[in-house]
Amino acid sequence: MAPQDPADLGQGPTIESRMERRFIVMSTRDALLQSLEPLTPAGWTQVTVTDLDDIGPWNELLLHRFMVLDLDDPEAFDPLDVIQTLRMQYQINLPVFCVGGDADLQGDMRLARADRFFTEAELQEMLPRFFERYGWGG
């Protein structure tokens, strides 16, 4: 068997890209997105999407520290599909913090292994703690 040419291996993420502080927000609701802006510390990047594929291949998700998943934006995406894709298809244990949603949806999301559930006010209170907790490396 011939040795593989290193050029065929592709470029993985750099150390610098692994150290970047990024988080995902899945929502199209302007009020929620605008409420997160003043809470986001310098040095953090908010990546707003409605489809996991917009982030790139599954391994690109690993470059993000956590996800905020809006359960009150049913027209934009199916949150149950998102969490099932993350947990079952990709087998990624990225922390997923859900905001909003009714009791039935939250129950389904719990069964699919979403991590925590908040009202918008609770999320705004907790978000600085998440930035601190997941702010390692920088």
Protein backbone atom coordinates (compact mmCIF):
# COMPACT_ATOMS: atom_id res chain seq x y z
CA MET A 1 0.00 0.00 0.00
CA ALA A 2 1.43 3.37 -1.00
CA PRO A 3 1.77 6.06 1.68
CA GLN A 4 -0.97 8.68 1.57
CA ASP A 5 0.00 12.08 0.27
CA PRO A 6 -0.44 14.65 3.10
CA ALA A 7 -2.16 16.97 0.61
CA ASP A 8 -4.98 14.40 0.37
CA LEU A 9 -5.70 14.59 4.09
CA GLY A 10 -7.26 18.05 3.92
CA GLN A 11 -6.81 20.79 6.45
CA GLY A 12 -8.34 20.32 9.85
CA PRO A 13 -9.13 23.18 12.17
CA THR A 14 -6.16 25.18 13.36
CA ILE A 15 -5.33 25.59 17.02
CA GLU A 16 -6.44 29.21 16.70
CA SER A 17 -9.84 28.23 15.31
CA ARG A 18 -10.30 25.70 18.10
CA MET A 19 -9.64 28.41 20.68
CA GLU A 20 -12.14 30.90 19.22
CA ARG A 21 -15.12 31.53 21.46
CA ARG A 22 -18.20 30.87 19.36
CA PHE A 23 -21.74 29.91 20.20
CA ILE A 24 -24.70 29.00 18.03
CA VAL A 25 -28.12 30.62 18.20
CA MET A 26 -30.91 28.98 16.25
CA SER A 27 -33.64 31.59 15.91
CA THR A 28 -35.06 34.16 13.53
CA ARG A 29 -36.84 36.17 16.20
CA ASP A 30 -35.35 39.67 16.23
CA ALA A 31 -36.35 40.34 19.85
CA LEU A 32 -34.43 37.30 21.10
CA LEU A 33 -31.41 37.93 18.90
CA GLN A 34 -31.24 41.59 19.92
CA SER A 35 -31.54 40.69 23.61
CA LEU A 36 -28.42 38.49 23.33
CA GLU A 37 -26.20 41.14 21.72
CA PRO A 38 -25.53 43.27 24.82
CA LEU A 39 -24.90 40.13 26.89
CA THR A 40 -22.27 38.75 24.53
CA PRO A 41 -18.80 39.62 25.81
CA ALA A 42 -16.00 40.90 23.63
CA GLY A 43 -14.11 38.03 22.07
CA TRP A 44 -17.20 35.88 21.57
CA THR A 45 -18.90 35.32 18.20
CA GLN A 46 -22.60 34.59 17.90
CA VAL A 47 -23.32 32.32 14.92
CA THR A 48 -27.01 32.65 14.01
CA VAL A 49 -28.48 29.91 11.81
CA THR A 50 -31.72 28.05 11.17
CA ASP A 51 -30.11 24.93 9.71
CA LEU A 52 -27.18 22.96 11.11
CA ASP A 53 -25.89 22.52 7.56
CA ASP A 54 -25.30 26.29 7.43
CA ILE A 55 -22.48 25.80 9.94
CA GLY A 56 -20.77 23.26 7.73
CA PRO A 57 -19.93 19.59 8.14
CA TRP A 58 -20.75 17.98 11.49
CA ASN A 59 -17.20 18.44 12.80
CA GLU A 60 -17.55 22.24 12.45
CA LEU A 61 -20.17 22.10 15.21
CA LEU A 62 -17.41 20.99 17.57
CA LEU A 63 -15.77 24.41 17.19
CA HIS A 64 -18.68 26.03 19.08
CA ARG A 65 -18.93 26.13 22.87
CA PHE A 66 -22.73 25.83 23.22
CA MET A 67 -26.05 26.34 21.43
CA VAL A 68 -29.11 28.43 22.26
CA LEU A 69 -32.13 26.78 20.63
CA ASP A 70 -35.31 28.85 20.29
CA LEU A 71 -38.38 26.65 20.83
CA ASP A 72 -40.73 29.54 20.02
CA ASP A 73 -39.72 29.84 16.35
CA PRO A 74 -41.65 26.93 14.74
CA GLU A 75 -41.68 28.39 11.24
CA ALA A 76 -37.87 28.61 11.03
CA PHE A 77 -36.87 25.01 11.87
CA ASP A 78 -37.93 21.90 13.77
CA PRO A 79 -36.09 22.00 17.13
CA LEU A 80 -36.73 18.30 17.74
CA ASP A 81 -35.04 17.50 14.43
CA VAL A 82 -32.08 19.69 15.42
CA ILE A 83 -31.51 17.96 18.77
CA GLN A 84 -32.02 14.49 17.29
CA THR A 85 -29.50 15.26 14.55
CA LEU A 86 -26.97 16.53 17.10
CA ARG A 87 -27.39 13.72 19.61
CA MET A 88 -28.29 10.67 17.52
CA GLN A 89 -26.93 11.22 14.03
CA TYR A 90 -23.78 13.21 14.83
CA GLN A 91 -23.44 11.96 18.44
CA ILE A 92 -22.26 15.39 19.56
CA ASN A 93 -22.66 16.41 23.19
CA LEU A 94 -22.60 20.17 22.58
CA PRO A 95 -24.47 21.89 25.44
CA VAL A 96 -27.93 22.89 24.16
CA PHE A 97 -29.86 25.53 26.08
CA CYS A 98 -33.48 25.82 24.99
CA VAL A 99 -35.53 28.97 25.37
CA GLY A 100 -39.32 29.02 25.40
CA GLY A 101 -41.56 26.25 24.15
CA ASP A 102 -44.59 24.65 25.71
CA ALA A 103 -44.51 21.75 28.19
CA ASP A 104 -45.11 19.10 25.50
CA LEU A 105 -42.26 20.31 23.30
CA GLN A 106 -39.94 20.66 26.28
CA GLY A 107 -40.79 17.09 27.29
CA ASP A 108 -39.97 15.81 23.81
CA MET A 109 -36.74 17.80 23.82
CA ARG A 110 -35.79 16.33 27.22
CA LEU A 111 -36.28 12.83 25.85
CA ALA A 112 -34.04 13.74 22.91
CA ARG A 113 -31.38 14.94 25.40
CA ALA A 114 -31.58 18.72 25.30
CA ASP A 115 -29.68 20.07 28.30
CA ARG A 116 -31.56 22.95 29.95
CA PHE A 117 -34.75 24.97 29.48
CA PHE A 118 -35.24 28.66 30.18
CA THR A 119 -37.68 31.48 29.70
CA GLU A 120 -36.15 34.42 27.84
CA ALA A 121 -35.65 36.30 31.12
CA GLU A 122 -33.95 33.28 32.72
CA LEU A 123 -31.70 32.83 29.69
CA GLN A 124 -30.63 36.47 29.87
CA GLU A 125 -29.78 35.95 33.54
CA MET A 126 -27.85 32.72 32.92
CA LEU A 127 -26.04 33.64 29.70
CA PRO A 128 -23.19 35.55 31.42
CA ARG A 129 -22.54 32.44 33.53
CA PHE A 130 -22.38 30.30 30.38
CA PHE A 131 -19.90 32.66 28.78
CA GLU A 132 -17.75 32.41 31.90
CA ARG A 133 -18.08 28.63 32.18
CA TYR A 134 -17.36 27.95 28.50
CA GLY A 135 -14.81 30.75 28.07
CA TRP A 136 -11.77 28.50 28.57
CA GLY A 137 -8.71 28.85 26.45
CA GLY A 138 -8.75 32.50 25.70
